[in-house]
Amino acid sequence: MNPVRFLKWFYPGMRVKRWFVVGALGILVFGMGSALLPVEGGLWLRLFSLALLIVGLFLVAGGLGGIVRSLLEVVSPLEKQQNLVELVFQRRHLEKGPKIVAIGGGTGLSALLSGLKQYTTNITAIVTVADDGGSSGRLRQEFDMLPPGDIRNCLVALADTEPLMQRLFQYRFTGESALTGHSFGNLFITVMTKITGDFQRAVQASSKVLAIRGRVVPATNANIRLVAEHEDGSVTVGETNISSAESRIRRVYLEPSGSQPVEDALQAIREANAIVLGPGSLYTSIIPNLLVERLVDAVVQSKALKIYVCNVMTQSRETRSFTASDHVRALVAHTHPAVLHACVVNTKPVPETLREKYRQEDAVPVEPDVERIRELGYRVVDGDFASLENYVRHDPDKLARAIIQLVVGARGRAGAVAPAHAGTSG
């Protein structure tokens, strides 16, 4: 140890000298008690030595506690000091959680991540980079970079920082200026990309700023475009255009072909206890990730439990009139039958007031035809997983709890692929 650096602890204003003295005094008193204990001197001497031992222990504990509190005043916010035991317990507990890979994009993936982070920090979100609309599309075109929007949403969902910082990253500029429509988080990631020279490094730096629980990685570093071939033979290029196309989708694919996955994504899949696909837009958020070369092969070869979370509502044009089994068929048709073991399906009825609101957007609740999914050879976890306040979405807590129960069950049963669950059909 550098002696000059050590002596700085005793500079005025450090607020640790008194606690060093208390601790040193405790060691001295404890040593005196230890020395007197074996001495022959009757009951009173023995009681006196025991008292010295106890007092010494208290002084040592008090000195160490004082030093820790003084240090925390500098390096930790006040509210975290007050819950230090809870904070340490939570961190250690979450570090032992299952290794979960979540694949997708959009608000659906963000909702899942915000629920999962309450159970584990061993989360890797693999996010689509095919977005070409809104703020992300503008930045992608102007700066020749990958779209940051879905990445930003996932970072905020996993953030373990002050709410103000989360609001800052989600802040969207309004009014009449060149920044109108852009979110601060998108601009931050853009600047970090220019500083680091690499989009993935920019995401890693942003992860540190938000102190996220887990990791967020793009599916690929290639500048890809999503293309849809429709049942009428027409072709639509670009995620935004696909979402608004009238004709039913036959298949989607990536251009240029041959895009390679990020190595961190492959490594996370190999080490995962569970791989979760969705929730999110089927053709524009989930499937594009699996079209990246070698990524779907890694999922298929993985021994992890593979779970697909079906959407609660259909999407206008993209999945119009799709049932839950239609979602599964489309996913398998674009990938491989072994891409999933179990499917999570919401069966909670949607109130008529919300149904009417979504009819105006040409969307309806997804029919939970669980029997047909089971006929395809997959297990179905059905139940109440929806949040029905102003919008119909997955409830992060309910969804995360169901997934964790499945994962814990699979880890506890040797050789089990998709374990039984209290809310499971089949």
Protein backbone atom coordinates (compact mmCIF):
# COMPACT_ATOMS: atom_id res chain seq x y z
CA MET A 1 0.00 0.00 0.00
CA ASN A 2 1.24 3.51 -0.85
CA PRO A 3 1.98 5.13 2.57
CA VAL A 4 1.19 8.63 1.30
CA ARG A 5 -2.18 7.48 0.00
CA PHE A 6 -2.90 5.68 3.30
CA LEU A 7 -2.11 8.80 5.34
CA LYS A 8 -4.78 10.72 3.42
CA TRP A 9 -7.37 8.84 5.50
CA PHE A 10 -6.22 10.93 8.48
CA TYR A 11 -6.48 14.32 6.77
CA PRO A 12 -8.92 16.82 8.39
CA GLY A 13 -12.51 16.45 7.19
CA MET A 14 -12.29 12.80 6.12
CA ARG A 15 -14.61 11.79 9.02
CA VAL A 16 -12.94 8.42 9.51
CA LYS A 17 -10.24 9.18 12.12
CA ARG A 18 -12.64 8.93 15.05
CA TRP A 19 -13.88 5.57 13.85
CA PHE A 20 -10.33 4.29 13.37
CA VAL A 21 -9.66 5.28 16.98
CA VAL A 22 -12.86 3.56 18.19
CA GLY A 23 -11.96 0.40 16.29
CA ALA A 24 -8.37 0.43 17.55
CA LEU A 25 -9.59 0.95 21.12
CA GLY A 26 -11.95 -1.99 20.67
CA ILE A 27 -9.07 -4.22 19.55
CA LEU A 28 -7.04 -3.09 22.58
CA VAL A 29 -9.88 -3.78 25.04
CA PHE A 30 -10.64 -7.13 23.43
CA GLY A 31 -6.95 -8.04 23.69
CA MET A 32 -6.88 -7.15 27.41
CA GLY A 33 -9.93 -9.32 28.02
CA SER A 34 -8.37 -12.22 26.13
CA ALA A 35 -5.19 -11.90 28.19
CA LEU A 36 -7.03 -11.85 31.55
CA LEU A 37 -9.43 -14.68 30.78
CA PRO A 38 -7.03 -17.60 31.48
CA VAL A 39 -5.56 -15.92 34.60
CA GLU A 40 -6.48 -17.54 37.91
CA GLY A 41 -8.22 -14.89 40.00
CA GLY A 42 -11.67 -15.97 40.94
CA LEU A 43 -15.13 -15.26 39.62
CA TRP A 44 -14.88 -11.46 39.61
CA LEU A 45 -11.77 -11.42 37.45
CA ARG A 46 -13.39 -13.81 35.01
CA LEU A 47 -16.51 -11.64 34.80
CA PHE A 48 -14.33 -8.56 34.32
CA SER A 49 -12.41 -10.22 31.45
CA LEU A 50 -15.67 -11.31 29.79
CA ALA A 51 -16.96 -7.74 30.09
CA LEU A 52 -13.80 -6.47 28.40
CA LEU A 53 -14.28 -8.97 25.57
CA ILE A 54 -17.89 -7.87 25.02
CA VAL A 55 -17.04 -4.15 25.19
CA GLY A 56 -14.12 -4.69 22.80
CA LEU A 57 -16.37 -6.42 20.27
CA PHE A 58 -18.92 -3.61 20.44
CA LEU A 59 -16.20 -0.99 19.92
CA VAL A 60 -14.73 -2.85 16.93
CA ALA A 61 -18.19 -3.24 15.38
CA GLY A 62 -18.98 0.42 16.03
CA GLY A 63 -15.71 1.57 14.47
CA LEU A 64 -16.20 -0.55 11.35
CA GLY A 65 -19.82 0.58 11.05
CA GLY A 66 -18.81 4.22 11.37
CA ILE A 67 -16.16 3.88 8.67
CA VAL A 68 -18.66 2.21 6.30
CA ARG A 69 -21.28 4.93 6.93
CA SER A 70 -18.72 7.69 6.32
CA LEU A 71 -17.72 6.13 3.02
CA LEU A 72 -21.32 5.59 1.93
CA GLU A 73 -22.10 9.26 2.53
CA VAL A 74 -19.68 10.02 -0.28
CA VAL A 75 -20.31 7.21 -2.78
CA SER A 76 -23.98 6.35 -2.26
CA PRO A 77 -27.20 8.40 -2.32
CA LEU A 78 -28.92 8.96 1.04
CA GLU A 79 -31.98 6.89 0.21
CA LYS A 80 -29.79 3.87 -0.61
CA GLN A 81 -27.82 4.25 2.64
CA GLN A 82 -31.05 4.00 4.60
CA ASN A 83 -31.85 0.66 2.93
CA LEU A 84 -28.33 -0.74 2.72
CA VAL A 85 -29.24 -4.20 4.01
CA GLU A 86 -32.17 -4.46 1.63
CA LEU A 87 -30.04 -3.21 -1.25
CA VAL A 88 -27.22 -5.70 -0.64
CA PHE A 89 -29.68 -8.57 -0.18
CA GLN A 90 -31.52 -7.63 -3.36
CA ARG A 91 -28.36 -7.37 -5.44
CA ARG A 92 -26.96 -10.67 -4.20
CA HIS A 93 -30.30 -12.39 -4.65
CA LEU A 94 -30.76 -11.09 -8.21
CA GLU A 95 -27.22 -12.14 -9.17
CA LYS A 96 -28.26 -15.75 -8.50
CA GLY A 97 -31.33 -15.52 -10.74
CA PRO A 98 -31.76 -17.58 -13.93
CA LYS A 99 -30.02 -16.57 -17.15
CA ILE A 100 -32.73 -15.32 -19.47
CA VAL A 101 -32.42 -14.16 -23.07
CA ALA A 102 -35.31 -12.04 -24.36
CA ILE A 103 -35.59 -11.58 -28.13
CA GLY A 104 -37.77 -8.97 -29.80
CA GLY A 105 -38.31 -5.24 -29.92
CA GLY A 106 -40.85 -2.48 -29.42
CA THR A 107 -42.91 -1.80 -26.31
CA GLY A 108 -43.70 -5.48 -25.77
CA LEU A 109 -40.09 -6.43 -25.08
CA SER A 110 -39.67 -3.38 -22.81
CA ALA A 111 -42.66 -4.47 -20.72
CA LEU A 112 -41.23 -7.98 -20.33
CA LEU A 113 -37.82 -6.66 -19.28
CA SER A 114 -39.25 -4.29 -16.66
CA GLY A 115 -40.91 -7.29 -15.03
CA LEU A 116 -38.00 -9.73 -15.33
CA LYS A 117 -35.48 -7.36 -13.70
CA GLN A 118 -37.32 -7.84 -10.39
CA TYR A 119 -36.23 -11.50 -10.41
CA THR A 120 -32.76 -11.59 -11.98
CA THR A 121 -29.95 -9.43 -13.30
CA ASN A 122 -28.80 -12.20 -15.65
CA ILE A 123 -30.85 -10.81 -18.53
CA THR A 124 -29.72 -10.31 -22.11
CA ALA A 125 -32.09 -8.47 -24.44
CA ILE A 126 -31.43 -9.18 -28.12
CA VAL A 127 -33.10 -6.34 -29.99
CA THR A 128 -34.10 -5.90 -33.62
CA VAL A 129 -32.36 -3.19 -35.64
CA ALA A 130 -34.71 -3.16 -38.63
CA ASP A 131 -36.65 -0.07 -37.49
CA ASP A 132 -36.74 2.68 -40.12
CA GLY A 133 -39.49 5.00 -38.89
CA GLY A 134 -39.81 8.03 -36.60
CA SER A 135 -36.80 9.39 -34.76
CA SER A 136 -34.83 6.16 -35.23
CA GLY A 137 -35.39 6.19 -38.98
CA ARG A 138 -34.28 9.81 -39.31
CA LEU A 139 -31.11 9.21 -37.30
CA ARG A 140 -30.41 6.02 -39.21
CA GLN A 141 -30.62 7.87 -42.52
CA GLU A 142 -28.81 11.04 -41.49
CA PHE A 143 -25.93 9.44 -39.57
CA ASP A 144 -25.66 6.04 -41.31
CA MET A 145 -26.09 4.15 -38.04
CA LEU A 146 -28.31 1.45 -36.59
CA PRO A 147 -31.71 2.62 -35.27
CA PRO A 148 -31.49 3.38 -31.52
CA GLY A 149 -35.20 3.50 -30.58
CA ASP A 150 -35.89 -0.09 -29.50
CA ILE A 151 -32.46 -0.27 -27.86
CA ARG A 152 -33.26 2.87 -25.86
CA ASN A 153 -36.59 1.49 -24.66
CA CYS A 154 -34.91 -1.70 -23.44
CA LEU A 155 -32.17 0.25 -21.64
CA VAL A 156 -34.76 2.33 -19.81
CA ALA A 157 -36.80 -0.79 -18.95
CA LEU A 158 -33.75 -2.42 -17.33
CA ALA A 159 -32.49 0.77 -15.68
CA ASP A 160 -31.67 0.71 -11.97
CA THR A 161 -31.17 4.44 -11.66
CA GLU A 162 -33.11 7.50 -10.56
CA PRO A 163 -36.57 7.97 -12.20
CA LEU A 164 -35.44 11.40 -13.40
CA MET A 165 -32.69 9.79 -15.49
CA GLN A 166 -35.22 7.41 -17.04
CA ARG A 167 -37.53 10.32 -17.85
CA LEU A 168 -34.57 12.15 -19.39
CA PHE A 169 -33.81 9.29 -21.78
CA GLN A 170 -37.48 9.05 -22.80
CA TYR A 171 -37.98 12.80 -23.20
CA ARG A 172 -39.19 13.66 -26.70
CA PHE A 173 -38.68 17.13 -28.17
CA THR A 174 -41.77 19.01 -29.33
CA GLY A 175 -42.38 22.34 -31.02
CA GLU A 176 -40.93 23.49 -34.31
CA SER A 177 -37.23 22.73 -34.61
CA ALA A 178 -34.84 20.26 -36.15
CA LEU A 179 -35.09 18.20 -32.92
CA THR A 180 -38.87 17.83 -33.04
CA GLY A 181 -39.85 14.17 -32.70
CA HIS A 182 -36.44 13.04 -31.47
CA SER A 183 -36.04 11.55 -28.00
CA PHE A 184 -33.09 12.56 -25.84
CA GLY A 185 -32.09 8.90 -25.45
CA ASN A 186 -31.87 8.41 -29.21
CA LEU A 187 -29.69 11.50 -29.54
CA PHE A 188 -27.50 10.35 -26.63
CA ILE A 189 -26.88 6.95 -28.24
CA THR A 190 -26.17 8.67 -31.55
CA VAL A 191 -23.54 10.93 -29.98
CA MET A 192 -22.01 7.97 -28.12
CA THR A 193 -21.81 6.07 -31.42
CA LYS A 194 -19.85 8.92 -32.97
CA ILE A 195 -17.56 9.21 -29.93
CA THR A 196 -16.83 5.48 -29.60
CA GLY A 197 -16.97 4.78 -33.32
CA ASP A 198 -19.13 1.72 -32.79
CA PHE A 199 -22.87 1.28 -32.13
CA GLN A 200 -22.42 -1.68 -29.79
CA ARG A 201 -19.89 0.22 -27.68
CA ALA A 202 -22.30 3.14 -27.54
CA VAL A 203 -25.00 0.83 -26.17
CA GLN A 204 -22.57 -0.52 -23.56
CA ALA A 205 -21.66 3.02 -22.48
CA SER A 206 -25.33 3.98 -22.25
CA SER A 207 -25.94 0.86 -20.16
CA LYS A 208 -23.42 2.10 -17.60
CA VAL A 209 -25.05 5.54 -17.46
CA LEU A 210 -28.42 3.94 -16.67
CA ALA A 211 -26.92 1.23 -14.42
CA ILE A 212 -29.09 -1.40 -16.09
CA ARG A 213 -29.80 -4.84 -14.64
CA GLY A 214 -28.57 -7.03 -17.45
CA ARG A 215 -27.36 -6.40 -20.99
CA VAL A 216 -28.86 -5.03 -24.20
CA VAL A 217 -27.31 -6.07 -27.52
CA PRO A 218 -28.39 -5.55 -31.13
CA ALA A 219 -29.19 -8.70 -33.07
CA THR A 220 -26.66 -7.68 -35.70
CA ASN A 221 -24.34 -4.79 -36.48
CA ALA A 222 -25.29 -4.94 -40.15
CA ASN A 223 -27.39 -2.17 -41.67
CA ILE A 224 -30.34 -4.35 -42.65
CA ARG A 225 -33.76 -3.66 -44.17
CA LEU A 226 -36.87 -5.73 -43.61
CA VAL A 227 -38.75 -6.83 -46.74
CA ALA A 228 -42.23 -8.41 -46.90
CA GLU A 229 -43.66 -10.54 -49.65
CA HIS A 230 -47.47 -10.41 -49.66
CA GLU A 231 -50.05 -13.00 -50.67
CA ASP A 232 -51.02 -10.93 -53.73
CA GLY A 233 -47.41 -11.10 -54.96
CA SER A 234 -46.49 -7.53 -54.08
CA VAL A 235 -43.32 -6.67 -52.15
CA THR A 236 -42.94 -4.00 -49.43
CA VAL A 237 -39.57 -2.68 -48.27
CA GLY A 238 -39.05 -1.18 -44.81
CA GLU A 239 -40.58 -1.94 -41.42
CA THR A 240 -42.77 1.17 -41.40
CA ASN A 241 -44.19 0.43 -44.84
CA ILE A 242 -44.80 -3.20 -43.92
CA SER A 243 -46.81 -2.21 -40.85
CA SER A 244 -49.15 -0.12 -43.01
CA ALA A 245 -49.41 -2.42 -46.04
CA GLU A 246 -52.93 -3.63 -46.86
CA SER A 247 -52.19 -7.08 -48.30
CA ARG A 248 -51.66 -10.06 -45.97
CA ILE A 249 -48.01 -11.02 -45.39
CA ARG A 250 -46.77 -14.31 -46.81
CA ARG A 251 -43.20 -14.04 -45.55
CA VAL A 252 -40.57 -11.52 -44.51
CA TYR A 253 -36.82 -11.53 -45.13
CA LEU A 254 -33.77 -9.32 -44.67
CA GLU A 255 -31.76 -7.34 -47.18
CA PRO A 256 -28.90 -7.65 -47.68
CA SER A 257 -28.80 -11.36 -46.96
CA GLY A 258 -25.99 -12.88 -44.93
CA SER A 259 -26.10 -10.50 -41.96
CA GLN A 260 -24.15 -11.95 -39.04
CA PRO A 261 -25.22 -11.89 -35.37
CA VAL A 262 -23.38 -10.08 -32.60
CA GLU A 263 -21.13 -12.55 -30.78
CA ASP A 264 -22.47 -11.44 -27.38
CA ALA A 265 -25.93 -12.50 -28.53
CA LEU A 266 -24.75 -15.98 -29.52
CA GLN A 267 -22.85 -16.38 -26.25
CA ALA A 268 -25.89 -15.37 -24.21
CA ILE A 269 -28.06 -17.89 -26.06
CA ARG A 270 -25.55 -20.68 -25.44
CA GLU A 271 -25.49 -19.95 -21.69
CA ALA A 272 -29.21 -19.28 -21.22
CA ASN A 273 -31.57 -21.13 -18.92
CA ALA A 274 -34.51 -19.71 -20.86
CA ILE A 275 -35.07 -17.93 -24.18
CA VAL A 276 -38.18 -15.76 -24.48
CA LEU A 277 -39.53 -14.66 -27.85
CA GLY A 278 -41.81 -11.64 -27.64
CA PRO A 279 -44.16 -10.16 -26.85
CA GLY A 280 -44.16 -7.71 -29.73
CA SER A 281 -45.03 -7.25 -33.38
CA LEU A 282 -44.71 -10.69 -34.93
CA TYR A 283 -43.34 -9.77 -38.36
CA THR A 284 -41.51 -6.54 -37.52
CA SER A 285 -40.11 -7.07 -34.01
CA ILE A 286 -39.68 -10.79 -33.29
CA ILE A 287 -39.09 -12.62 -36.58
CA PRO A 288 -36.47 -10.13 -37.95
CA ASN A 289 -34.08 -11.12 -35.14
CA LEU A 290 -34.41 -14.78 -36.06
CA LEU A 291 -33.68 -14.09 -39.73
CA VAL A 292 -30.13 -13.03 -38.87
CA GLU A 293 -27.89 -15.90 -40.01
CA ARG A 294 -26.85 -18.39 -37.31
CA LEU A 295 -29.03 -16.77 -34.66
CA VAL A 296 -32.02 -19.07 -35.10
CA ASP A 297 -29.64 -22.05 -35.31
CA ALA A 298 -28.22 -21.03 -31.93
CA VAL A 299 -31.74 -20.87 -30.47
CA VAL A 300 -32.70 -24.26 -31.90
CA GLN A 301 -29.50 -25.92 -30.63
CA SER A 302 -29.79 -24.36 -27.18
CA LYS A 303 -30.85 -26.62 -24.31
CA ALA A 304 -32.67 -23.71 -22.68
CA LEU A 305 -36.41 -23.59 -22.15
CA LYS A 306 -37.86 -21.68 -25.13
CA ILE A 307 -40.99 -19.63 -24.57
CA TYR A 308 -43.05 -17.64 -27.06
CA VAL A 309 -45.27 -14.90 -25.61
CA CYS A 310 -48.24 -14.37 -27.90
CA ASN A 311 -49.65 -10.85 -28.30
CA VAL A 312 -52.86 -9.92 -26.48
CA MET A 313 -54.27 -7.97 -29.45
CA THR A 314 -53.98 -8.40 -33.20
CA GLN A 315 -52.33 -5.64 -35.19
CA SER A 316 -54.02 -3.83 -38.01
CA ARG A 317 -52.82 -5.19 -41.38
CA GLU A 318 -49.80 -7.04 -39.94
CA THR A 319 -51.67 -9.80 -38.06
CA ARG A 320 -55.30 -9.00 -38.88
CA SER A 321 -57.64 -11.82 -37.71
CA PHE A 322 -54.72 -13.93 -36.44
CA THR A 323 -55.46 -16.41 -33.66
CA ALA A 324 -52.81 -17.49 -31.16
CA SER A 325 -52.06 -20.60 -33.21
CA ASP A 326 -51.69 -18.46 -36.35
CA HIS A 327 -48.95 -16.52 -34.56
CA VAL A 328 -47.18 -19.77 -33.67
CA ARG A 329 -47.46 -21.15 -37.22
CA ALA A 330 -46.02 -17.99 -38.74
CA LEU A 331 -43.13 -17.98 -36.26
CA VAL A 332 -42.31 -21.63 -36.95
CA ALA A 333 -42.68 -21.22 -40.73
CA HIS A 334 -39.99 -18.52 -40.71
CA THR A 335 -37.63 -20.40 -38.39
CA HIS A 336 -37.76 -24.01 -37.17
CA PRO A 337 -40.25 -26.18 -35.22
CA ALA A 338 -37.77 -26.43 -32.32
CA VAL A 339 -37.64 -22.67 -31.86
CA LEU A 340 -40.08 -22.92 -28.94
CA HIS A 341 -41.30 -25.37 -26.30
CA ALA A 342 -44.10 -23.42 -24.64
CA CYS A 343 -46.45 -20.61 -25.56
CA VAL A 344 -47.83 -18.04 -23.11
CA VAL A 345 -51.37 -17.02 -24.08
CA ASN A 346 -53.63 -14.47 -22.38
CA THR A 347 -57.20 -15.62 -21.76
CA LYS A 348 -58.41 -12.65 -19.71
CA PRO A 349 -61.42 -11.08 -21.48
CA VAL A 350 -61.02 -7.55 -22.83
CA PRO A 351 -63.81 -5.14 -21.75
CA GLU A 352 -66.16 -3.90 -24.44
CA THR A 353 -65.06 -0.28 -23.94
CA LEU A 354 -61.50 -1.18 -24.88
CA ARG A 355 -62.65 -3.49 -27.68
CA GLU A 356 -64.47 -0.57 -29.29
CA LYS A 357 -61.39 1.62 -28.99
CA TYR A 358 -59.27 -0.99 -30.77
CA ARG A 359 -61.91 -1.68 -33.45
CA GLN A 360 -61.26 1.84 -34.68
CA GLU A 361 -57.67 0.70 -35.27
CA ASP A 362 -58.85 -2.54 -36.92
CA ALA A 363 -57.55 -4.64 -34.03
CA VAL A 364 -59.26 -7.27 -31.89
CA PRO A 365 -58.23 -9.56 -29.00
CA VAL A 366 -56.19 -12.55 -30.14
CA GLU A 367 -58.36 -15.68 -29.97
CA PRO A 368 -56.67 -18.06 -27.46
CA ASP A 369 -57.15 -21.30 -29.44
CA VAL A 370 -54.94 -23.25 -27.06
CA GLU A 371 -56.12 -26.65 -28.30
CA ARG A 372 -54.73 -26.00 -31.77
CA ILE A 373 -51.39 -24.92 -30.34
CA ARG A 374 -51.26 -28.09 -28.30
CA GLU A 375 -52.02 -30.08 -31.46
CA LEU A 376 -48.91 -28.51 -32.98
CA GLY A 377 -46.91 -30.13 -30.19
CA TYR A 378 -46.34 -27.16 -27.88
CA ARG A 379 -47.33 -26.61 -24.29
CA VAL A 380 -49.63 -23.70 -23.48
CA VAL A 381 -49.46 -21.52 -20.40
CA ASP A 382 -52.79 -19.71 -20.35
CA GLY A 383 -54.19 -17.24 -17.86
CA ASP A 384 -54.53 -13.59 -16.92
CA PHE A 385 -51.43 -11.80 -18.20
CA ALA A 386 -53.01 -8.57 -19.43
CA SER A 387 -53.13 -4.99 -18.21
CA LEU A 388 -56.48 -3.44 -19.12
CA GLU A 389 -56.23 0.17 -18.03
CA ASN A 390 -56.05 2.67 -20.89
CA TYR A 391 -54.51 0.20 -23.32
CA VAL A 392 -54.50 -3.58 -23.70
CA ARG A 393 -50.99 -4.76 -23.01
CA HIS A 394 -49.12 -7.44 -21.13
CA ASP A 395 -48.82 -6.78 -17.42
CA PRO A 396 -45.04 -6.82 -16.72
CA ASP A 397 -45.38 -8.36 -13.24
CA LYS A 398 -47.87 -11.08 -14.22
CA LEU A 399 -45.90 -12.03 -17.32
CA ALA A 400 -42.53 -12.10 -15.57
CA ARG A 401 -43.92 -14.18 -12.71
CA ALA A 402 -45.30 -16.78 -15.12
CA ILE A 403 -42.00 -17.02 -17.00
CA ILE A 404 -39.91 -17.28 -13.84
CA GLN A 405 -42.17 -20.06 -12.53
CA LEU A 406 -41.68 -21.94 -15.78
CA VAL A 407 -37.92 -21.47 -15.68
CA VAL A 408 -37.57 -22.43 -12.02
CA GLY A 409 -39.70 -25.51 -12.68
CA ALA A 410 -37.50 -26.51 -15.62
CA ARG A 411 -34.32 -26.08 -13.56
CA GLY A 412 -35.77 -28.15 -10.76
CA ARG A 413 -36.78 -31.11 -12.90
CA ALA A 414 -33.94 -32.98 -14.56
CA GLY A 415 -34.60 -33.56 -18.21
CA ALA A 416 -37.76 -31.48 -18.28
CA VAL A 417 -38.30 -29.34 -21.35
CA ALA A 418 -41.39 -27.36 -20.43
CA PRO A 419 -42.46 -28.04 -16.85
CA ALA A 420 -46.01 -28.09 -15.56
CA HIS A 421 -47.37 -24.85 -14.16
CA ALA A 422 -50.42 -23.98 -12.08
CA GLY A 423 -51.94 -22.11 -15.01
CA THR A 424 -50.93 -24.57 -17.71
CA SER A 425 -53.14 -26.33 -20.19
CA GLY A 426 -51.99 -29.74 -21.35
